[in-house]
Amino acid sequence: MADASYPEGLLYHPEHDWAQIDGDVATFGITWFAQDALGEVVFFEAPAVGSTVTAGEPYTEVESVKAVSDVIAPLSGEVVEVNEALGDTPEAVNEDPYGAGWMVKVRLSDPAEKDALLDRDAYVATLS
């Protein structure tokens, strides 16, 4: 399992999801805290490319040895890519939550929603 980390430059949703924005597309995943709380991730249900997600609403589920949990969209938009590799290697969510464990890429419908997300320090403060 990866060491605890919360990279600078990402935006965080209070439900323990992160977003990395590159132009009008954002990459989503779950934070180190979320994957640690879940335990060993054994299944990722990828949403369909072309489906839409809404900020603050669940867009998929991850199953761990402990539970099945909703994954919350930090921003709204259309899913343009899913991390198909997680189908074969869902443990990447535990091993590299900000790299190989990314979940979807979304073309943002309202980039201003990013203003409601937390920076690293504000997110980490919610954990204590």
N, C-alpha and C. Protein backbone atom coordinates (compact mmCIF):
# COMPACT_ATOMS: atom_id res chain seq x y z
N MET A 1 0.83 -1.18 0.00
CA MET A 1 0.00 0.00 0.00
C MET A 1 0.88 1.25 0.00
N ALA A 2 0.44 2.29 -0.65
CA ALA A 2 1.21 3.53 -0.74
C ALA A 2 1.29 4.22 0.62
N ASP A 3 2.35 5.02 0.78
CA ASP A 3 2.47 5.86 1.97
C ASP A 3 1.46 6.99 1.90
N ALA A 4 1.04 7.51 3.07
CA ALA A 4 0.08 8.61 3.11
C ALA A 4 0.64 9.80 2.36
N SER A 5 -0.16 10.36 1.45
CA SER A 5 0.26 11.54 0.72
C SER A 5 -0.95 12.26 0.16
N TYR A 6 -0.78 13.56 0.01
CA TYR A 6 -1.81 14.42 -0.56
C TYR A 6 -1.07 15.44 -1.41
N PRO A 7 -0.87 15.16 -2.68
CA PRO A 7 -0.04 16.02 -3.53
C PRO A 7 -0.58 17.44 -3.65
N GLU A 8 0.38 18.38 -3.72
CA GLU A 8 0.06 19.77 -4.05
C GLU A 8 -0.40 19.80 -5.50
N GLY A 9 -1.21 20.78 -5.83
CA GLY A 9 -1.62 20.95 -7.22
C GLY A 9 -2.90 20.22 -7.58
N LEU A 10 -3.34 19.31 -6.72
CA LEU A 10 -4.63 18.65 -6.95
C LEU A 10 -5.70 19.43 -6.20
N LEU A 11 -6.93 19.24 -6.62
CA LEU A 11 -8.07 19.79 -5.89
C LEU A 11 -8.79 18.63 -5.24
N TYR A 12 -9.32 18.87 -4.05
CA TYR A 12 -9.90 17.79 -3.26
C TYR A 12 -11.36 18.07 -2.92
N HIS A 13 -12.17 17.01 -2.98
CA HIS A 13 -13.57 17.07 -2.56
C HIS A 13 -13.63 16.52 -1.14
N PRO A 14 -14.48 17.10 -0.27
CA PRO A 14 -14.53 16.62 1.12
C PRO A 14 -14.89 15.14 1.26
N GLU A 15 -15.46 14.53 0.21
CA GLU A 15 -15.80 13.10 0.27
C GLU A 15 -14.60 12.23 -0.14
N HIS A 16 -13.39 12.82 -0.08
CA HIS A 16 -12.14 12.08 -0.27
C HIS A 16 -11.86 11.68 -1.72
N ASP A 17 -12.20 12.60 -2.61
CA ASP A 17 -11.90 12.42 -4.03
C ASP A 17 -10.99 13.56 -4.46
N TRP A 18 -10.22 13.32 -5.51
CA TRP A 18 -9.33 14.37 -6.00
C TRP A 18 -9.60 14.60 -7.49
N ALA A 19 -9.19 15.78 -7.95
CA ALA A 19 -9.28 16.13 -9.36
C ALA A 19 -8.00 16.85 -9.76
N GLN A 20 -7.52 16.51 -10.92
CA GLN A 20 -6.39 17.23 -11.52
C GLN A 20 -6.89 17.80 -12.85
N ILE A 21 -6.90 19.11 -12.94
CA ILE A 21 -7.46 19.77 -14.12
C ILE A 21 -6.35 20.09 -15.11
N ASP A 22 -6.60 19.72 -16.37
CA ASP A 22 -5.68 20.02 -17.46
C ASP A 22 -6.53 20.57 -18.60
N GLY A 23 -6.60 21.89 -18.72
CA GLY A 23 -7.46 22.51 -19.73
C GLY A 23 -8.91 22.31 -19.35
N ASP A 24 -9.69 21.72 -20.26
CA ASP A 24 -11.11 21.50 -19.96
C ASP A 24 -11.39 20.05 -19.56
N VAL A 25 -10.33 19.30 -19.28
CA VAL A 25 -10.49 17.90 -18.86
C VAL A 25 -9.86 17.72 -17.48
N ALA A 26 -10.56 16.99 -16.63
CA ALA A 26 -10.04 16.70 -15.29
C ALA A 26 -9.95 15.19 -15.10
N THR A 27 -8.89 14.77 -14.43
CA THR A 27 -8.71 13.38 -14.03
C THR A 27 -9.20 13.26 -12.60
N PHE A 28 -9.98 12.20 -12.33
CA PHE A 28 -10.54 11.97 -10.99
C PHE A 28 -9.95 10.70 -10.39
N GLY A 29 -9.89 10.68 -9.07
CA GLY A 29 -9.51 9.49 -8.33
C GLY A 29 -9.93 9.66 -6.89
N ILE A 30 -9.58 8.67 -6.05
CA ILE A 30 -9.86 8.79 -4.63
C ILE A 30 -8.55 9.03 -3.90
N THR A 31 -8.65 9.68 -2.75
CA THR A 31 -7.44 10.07 -2.02
C THR A 31 -6.81 8.88 -1.28
N TRP A 32 -5.61 9.13 -0.80
CA TRP A 32 -4.94 8.11 0.01
C TRP A 32 -5.82 7.75 1.20
N PHE A 33 -6.44 8.74 1.86
CA PHE A 33 -7.29 8.49 3.01
C PHE A 33 -8.42 7.52 2.64
N ALA A 34 -9.07 7.77 1.49
CA ALA A 34 -10.19 6.93 1.07
C ALA A 34 -9.75 5.50 0.81
N GLN A 35 -8.67 5.34 0.07
CA GLN A 35 -8.24 3.96 -0.23
C GLN A 35 -7.79 3.24 1.03
N ASP A 36 -7.19 3.99 1.99
CA ASP A 36 -6.77 3.37 3.24
C ASP A 36 -7.98 2.93 4.05
N ALA A 37 -9.02 3.76 4.09
CA ALA A 37 -10.24 3.41 4.82
C ALA A 37 -10.95 2.22 4.18
N LEU A 38 -10.90 2.13 2.85
CA LEU A 38 -11.56 1.02 2.16
C LEU A 38 -10.84 -0.30 2.40
N GLY A 39 -9.53 -0.25 2.49
CA GLY A 39 -8.75 -1.48 2.53
C GLY A 39 -8.49 -1.93 1.10
N GLU A 40 -8.16 -3.18 0.93
CA GLU A 40 -7.77 -3.70 -0.37
C GLU A 40 -8.92 -3.59 -1.38
N VAL A 41 -8.71 -2.79 -2.42
CA VAL A 41 -9.71 -2.63 -3.48
C VAL A 41 -9.64 -3.86 -4.40
N VAL A 42 -10.81 -4.48 -4.61
CA VAL A 42 -10.84 -5.71 -5.41
C VAL A 42 -11.65 -5.55 -6.69
N PHE A 43 -12.39 -4.44 -6.84
CA PHE A 43 -13.19 -4.26 -8.06
C PHE A 43 -13.49 -2.79 -8.25
N PHE A 44 -13.37 -2.34 -9.49
CA PHE A 44 -13.73 -0.98 -9.88
C PHE A 44 -14.74 -1.10 -11.00
N GLU A 45 -15.92 -0.52 -10.79
CA GLU A 45 -16.96 -0.52 -11.81
C GLU A 45 -16.82 0.74 -12.64
N ALA A 46 -16.25 0.62 -13.82
CA ALA A 46 -16.00 1.79 -14.66
C ALA A 46 -17.31 2.32 -15.24
N PRO A 47 -17.54 3.63 -15.17
CA PRO A 47 -18.71 4.20 -15.84
C PRO A 47 -18.48 4.18 -17.35
N ALA A 48 -19.53 4.34 -18.12
CA ALA A 48 -19.41 4.33 -19.58
C ALA A 48 -18.84 5.64 -20.08
N VAL A 49 -17.95 5.54 -21.07
CA VAL A 49 -17.49 6.75 -21.75
C VAL A 49 -18.72 7.39 -22.40
N GLY A 50 -18.84 8.68 -22.26
CA GLY A 50 -19.99 9.40 -22.79
C GLY A 50 -21.06 9.68 -21.75
N SER A 51 -20.99 8.98 -20.62
CA SER A 51 -21.96 9.26 -19.55
C SER A 51 -21.59 10.58 -18.88
N THR A 52 -22.55 11.14 -18.18
CA THR A 52 -22.28 12.41 -17.51
C THR A 52 -22.22 12.19 -16.00
N VAL A 53 -21.44 13.04 -15.36
CA VAL A 53 -21.30 13.00 -13.91
C VAL A 53 -21.65 14.38 -13.37
N THR A 54 -22.14 14.40 -12.14
CA THR A 54 -22.54 15.65 -11.49
C THR A 54 -21.74 15.84 -10.21
N ALA A 55 -21.20 17.02 -10.05
CA ALA A 55 -20.40 17.32 -8.86
C ALA A 55 -21.18 17.00 -7.59
N GLY A 56 -20.54 16.27 -6.70
CA GLY A 56 -21.14 15.93 -5.42
C GLY A 56 -22.01 14.69 -5.45
N GLU A 57 -22.17 14.09 -6.64
CA GLU A 57 -23.01 12.89 -6.78
C GLU A 57 -22.13 11.68 -7.09
N PRO A 58 -22.58 10.48 -6.70
CA PRO A 58 -21.80 9.27 -7.03
C PRO A 58 -21.79 9.02 -8.55
N TYR A 59 -20.64 8.58 -9.06
CA TYR A 59 -20.56 8.24 -10.48
C TYR A 59 -20.13 6.81 -10.72
N THR A 60 -19.68 6.15 -9.68
CA THR A 60 -19.30 4.75 -9.80
C THR A 60 -19.15 4.17 -8.40
N GLU A 61 -18.73 2.91 -8.35
CA GLU A 61 -18.49 2.25 -7.07
C GLU A 61 -17.15 1.54 -7.11
N VAL A 62 -16.55 1.43 -5.95
CA VAL A 62 -15.39 0.57 -5.79
C VAL A 62 -15.74 -0.44 -4.71
N GLU A 63 -15.27 -1.65 -4.92
CA GLU A 63 -15.51 -2.72 -3.95
C GLU A 63 -14.18 -3.09 -3.33
N SER A 64 -14.18 -3.16 -2.01
CA SER A 64 -12.97 -3.59 -1.30
C SER A 64 -13.31 -4.82 -0.49
N VAL A 65 -12.32 -5.33 0.21
CA VAL A 65 -12.56 -6.48 1.06
C VAL A 65 -13.48 -6.12 2.22
N LYS A 66 -13.63 -4.80 2.51
CA LYS A 66 -14.46 -4.35 3.61
C LYS A 66 -15.87 -3.96 3.21
N ALA A 67 -16.02 -3.34 2.01
CA ALA A 67 -17.31 -2.75 1.66
C ALA A 67 -17.36 -2.35 0.19
N VAL A 68 -18.55 -2.00 -0.25
CA VAL A 68 -18.74 -1.37 -1.55
C VAL A 68 -19.05 0.09 -1.26
N SER A 69 -18.33 0.99 -1.91
CA SER A 69 -18.48 2.41 -1.62
C SER A 69 -18.70 3.20 -2.90
N ASP A 70 -19.57 4.21 -2.79
CA ASP A 70 -19.75 5.14 -3.90
C ASP A 70 -18.50 5.99 -4.05
N VAL A 71 -18.24 6.39 -5.29
CA VAL A 71 -17.18 7.35 -5.58
C VAL A 71 -17.88 8.61 -6.06
N ILE A 72 -17.56 9.72 -5.41
CA ILE A 72 -18.23 11.00 -5.65
C ILE A 72 -17.46 11.81 -6.70
N ALA A 73 -18.19 12.39 -7.64
CA ALA A 73 -17.58 13.26 -8.65
C ALA A 73 -17.25 14.61 -8.02
N PRO A 74 -15.99 15.04 -8.09
CA PRO A 74 -15.67 16.35 -7.55
C PRO A 74 -16.14 17.50 -8.46
N LEU A 75 -16.36 17.20 -9.74
CA LEU A 75 -16.77 18.21 -10.72
C LEU A 75 -17.76 17.57 -11.69
N SER A 76 -18.48 18.40 -12.44
CA SER A 76 -19.47 17.89 -13.40
C SER A 76 -18.89 17.85 -14.82
N GLY A 77 -19.44 16.92 -15.63
CA GLY A 77 -19.03 16.87 -17.02
C GLY A 77 -19.32 15.52 -17.65
N GLU A 78 -18.68 15.29 -18.80
CA GLU A 78 -18.87 14.06 -19.56
C GLU A 78 -17.62 13.19 -19.45
N VAL A 79 -17.82 11.93 -19.14
CA VAL A 79 -16.71 10.99 -19.05
C VAL A 79 -16.14 10.78 -20.46
N VAL A 80 -14.87 11.10 -20.64
CA VAL A 80 -14.22 10.95 -21.95
C VAL A 80 -13.23 9.79 -21.97
N GLU A 81 -12.85 9.29 -20.79
CA GLU A 81 -11.92 8.16 -20.74
C GLU A 81 -12.06 7.49 -19.38
N VAL A 82 -11.95 6.17 -19.36
CA VAL A 82 -11.93 5.46 -18.08
C VAL A 82 -10.63 4.68 -17.99
N ASN A 83 -10.18 4.45 -16.80
CA ASN A 83 -8.94 3.69 -16.59
C ASN A 83 -9.27 2.20 -16.68
N GLU A 84 -9.23 1.70 -17.91
CA GLU A 84 -9.58 0.29 -18.15
C GLU A 84 -8.63 -0.66 -17.43
N ALA A 85 -7.42 -0.23 -17.17
CA ALA A 85 -6.44 -1.10 -16.49
C ALA A 85 -6.92 -1.50 -15.10
N LEU A 86 -7.78 -0.70 -14.48
CA LEU A 86 -8.26 -1.05 -13.14
C LEU A 86 -9.14 -2.30 -13.16
N GLY A 87 -9.66 -2.66 -14.33
CA GLY A 87 -10.44 -3.89 -14.42
C GLY A 87 -9.60 -5.12 -14.10
N ASP A 88 -8.34 -5.08 -14.51
CA ASP A 88 -7.43 -6.20 -14.26
C ASP A 88 -6.58 -5.99 -13.01
N THR A 89 -6.35 -4.73 -12.66
CA THR A 89 -5.47 -4.43 -11.53
C THR A 89 -6.10 -3.38 -10.62
N PRO A 90 -7.24 -3.72 -9.98
CA PRO A 90 -7.89 -2.73 -9.10
C PRO A 90 -7.00 -2.34 -7.92
N GLU A 91 -6.02 -3.17 -7.58
CA GLU A 91 -5.13 -2.85 -6.47
C GLU A 91 -4.29 -1.60 -6.76
N ALA A 92 -4.24 -1.14 -8.00
CA ALA A 92 -3.51 0.09 -8.32
C ALA A 92 -4.10 1.28 -7.57
N VAL A 93 -5.38 1.20 -7.21
CA VAL A 93 -6.00 2.27 -6.42
C VAL A 93 -5.30 2.38 -5.06
N ASN A 94 -4.92 1.24 -4.49
CA ASN A 94 -4.21 1.24 -3.20
C ASN A 94 -2.73 1.58 -3.37
N GLU A 95 -2.13 1.05 -4.42
CA GLU A 95 -0.68 1.18 -4.58
C GLU A 95 -0.26 2.56 -5.09
N ASP A 96 -1.08 3.20 -5.90
CA ASP A 96 -0.71 4.47 -6.53
C ASP A 96 -1.98 5.29 -6.79
N PRO A 97 -2.64 5.78 -5.69
CA PRO A 97 -3.94 6.42 -5.86
C PRO A 97 -3.94 7.68 -6.72
N TYR A 98 -2.78 8.33 -6.87
CA TYR A 98 -2.73 9.56 -7.67
C TYR A 98 -2.06 9.33 -9.03
N GLY A 99 -1.67 8.11 -9.31
CA GLY A 99 -1.01 7.80 -10.58
C GLY A 99 -1.78 6.72 -11.30
N ALA A 100 -1.28 5.49 -11.25
CA ALA A 100 -1.92 4.37 -11.95
C ALA A 100 -3.34 4.10 -11.46
N GLY A 101 -3.69 4.60 -10.27
CA GLY A 101 -5.02 4.36 -9.72
C GLY A 101 -6.06 5.41 -10.09
N TRP A 102 -5.75 6.29 -11.05
CA TRP A 102 -6.77 7.25 -11.48
C TRP A 102 -7.98 6.48 -12.02
N MET A 103 -9.15 7.11 -12.01
CA MET A 103 -10.37 6.39 -12.37
C MET A 103 -10.99 6.84 -13.69
N VAL A 104 -11.24 8.12 -13.85
CA VAL A 104 -11.87 8.62 -15.07
C VAL A 104 -11.28 9.97 -15.45
N LYS A 105 -11.48 10.32 -16.72
CA LYS A 105 -11.20 11.67 -17.20
C LYS A 105 -12.53 12.24 -17.68
N VAL A 106 -12.77 13.47 -17.29
CA VAL A 106 -14.06 14.12 -17.54
C VAL A 106 -13.86 15.46 -18.23
N ARG A 107 -14.59 15.68 -19.32
CA ARG A 107 -14.60 17.01 -19.94
C ARG A 107 -15.56 17.87 -19.14
N LEU A 108 -15.03 18.93 -18.54
CA LEU A 108 -15.79 19.73 -17.58
C LEU A 108 -16.91 20.51 -18.26
N SER A 109 -18.09 20.50 -17.64
CA SER A 109 -19.21 21.28 -18.15
C SER A 109 -19.29 22.64 -17.48
N ASP A 110 -18.69 22.78 -16.30
CA ASP A 110 -18.70 24.06 -15.58
C ASP A 110 -17.40 24.20 -14.81
N PRO A 111 -16.35 24.65 -15.48
CA PRO A 111 -15.03 24.74 -14.81
C PRO A 111 -15.05 25.59 -13.55
N ALA A 112 -16.02 26.48 -13.40
CA ALA A 112 -16.09 27.32 -12.20
C ALA A 112 -16.38 26.49 -10.94
N GLU A 113 -16.88 25.26 -11.11
CA GLU A 113 -17.13 24.41 -9.94
C GLU A 113 -15.85 24.14 -9.16
N LYS A 114 -14.71 24.27 -9.81
CA LYS A 114 -13.44 24.00 -9.11
C LYS A 114 -13.24 24.93 -7.92
N ASP A 115 -13.88 26.08 -7.96
CA ASP A 115 -13.74 27.03 -6.85
C ASP A 115 -14.31 26.49 -5.55
N ALA A 116 -15.19 25.48 -5.62
CA ALA A 116 -15.79 24.90 -4.42
C ALA A 116 -14.93 23.78 -3.83
N LEU A 117 -13.88 23.37 -4.55
CA LEU A 117 -13.03 22.29 -4.05
C LEU A 117 -11.95 22.84 -3.12
N LEU A 118 -11.29 21.93 -2.42
CA LEU A 118 -10.29 22.29 -1.41
C LEU A 118 -8.89 22.14 -1.99
N ASP A 119 -7.98 23.00 -1.52
CA ASP A 119 -6.59 22.77 -1.86
C ASP A 119 -6.03 21.73 -0.87
N ARG A 120 -4.79 21.34 -1.05
CA ARG A 120 -4.20 20.28 -0.24
C ARG A 120 -4.32 20.58 1.25
N ASP A 121 -3.89 21.77 1.67
CA ASP A 121 -3.86 22.08 3.09
C ASP A 121 -5.27 22.08 3.70
N ALA A 122 -6.24 22.63 2.98
CA ALA A 122 -7.61 22.66 3.49
C ALA A 122 -8.17 21.24 3.60
N TYR A 123 -7.86 20.39 2.62
CA TYR A 123 -8.34 19.00 2.68
C TYR A 123 -7.69 18.26 3.86
N VAL A 124 -6.39 18.38 3.99
CA VAL A 124 -5.69 17.68 5.07
C VAL A 124 -6.24 18.13 6.43
N ALA A 125 -6.61 19.41 6.54
CA ALA A 125 -7.18 19.91 7.81
C ALA A 125 -8.49 19.22 8.14
N THR A 126 -9.23 18.74 7.14
CA THR A 126 -10.50 18.05 7.40
C THR A 126 -10.27 16.66 7.97
N LEU A 127 -9.06 16.15 7.83
CA LEU A 127 -8.78 14.77 8.26
C LEU A 127 -8.43 14.68 9.74
N SER A 128 -8.17 15.79 10.38
CA SER A 128 -7.75 15.73 11.79
C SER A 128 -8.90 16.05 12.72
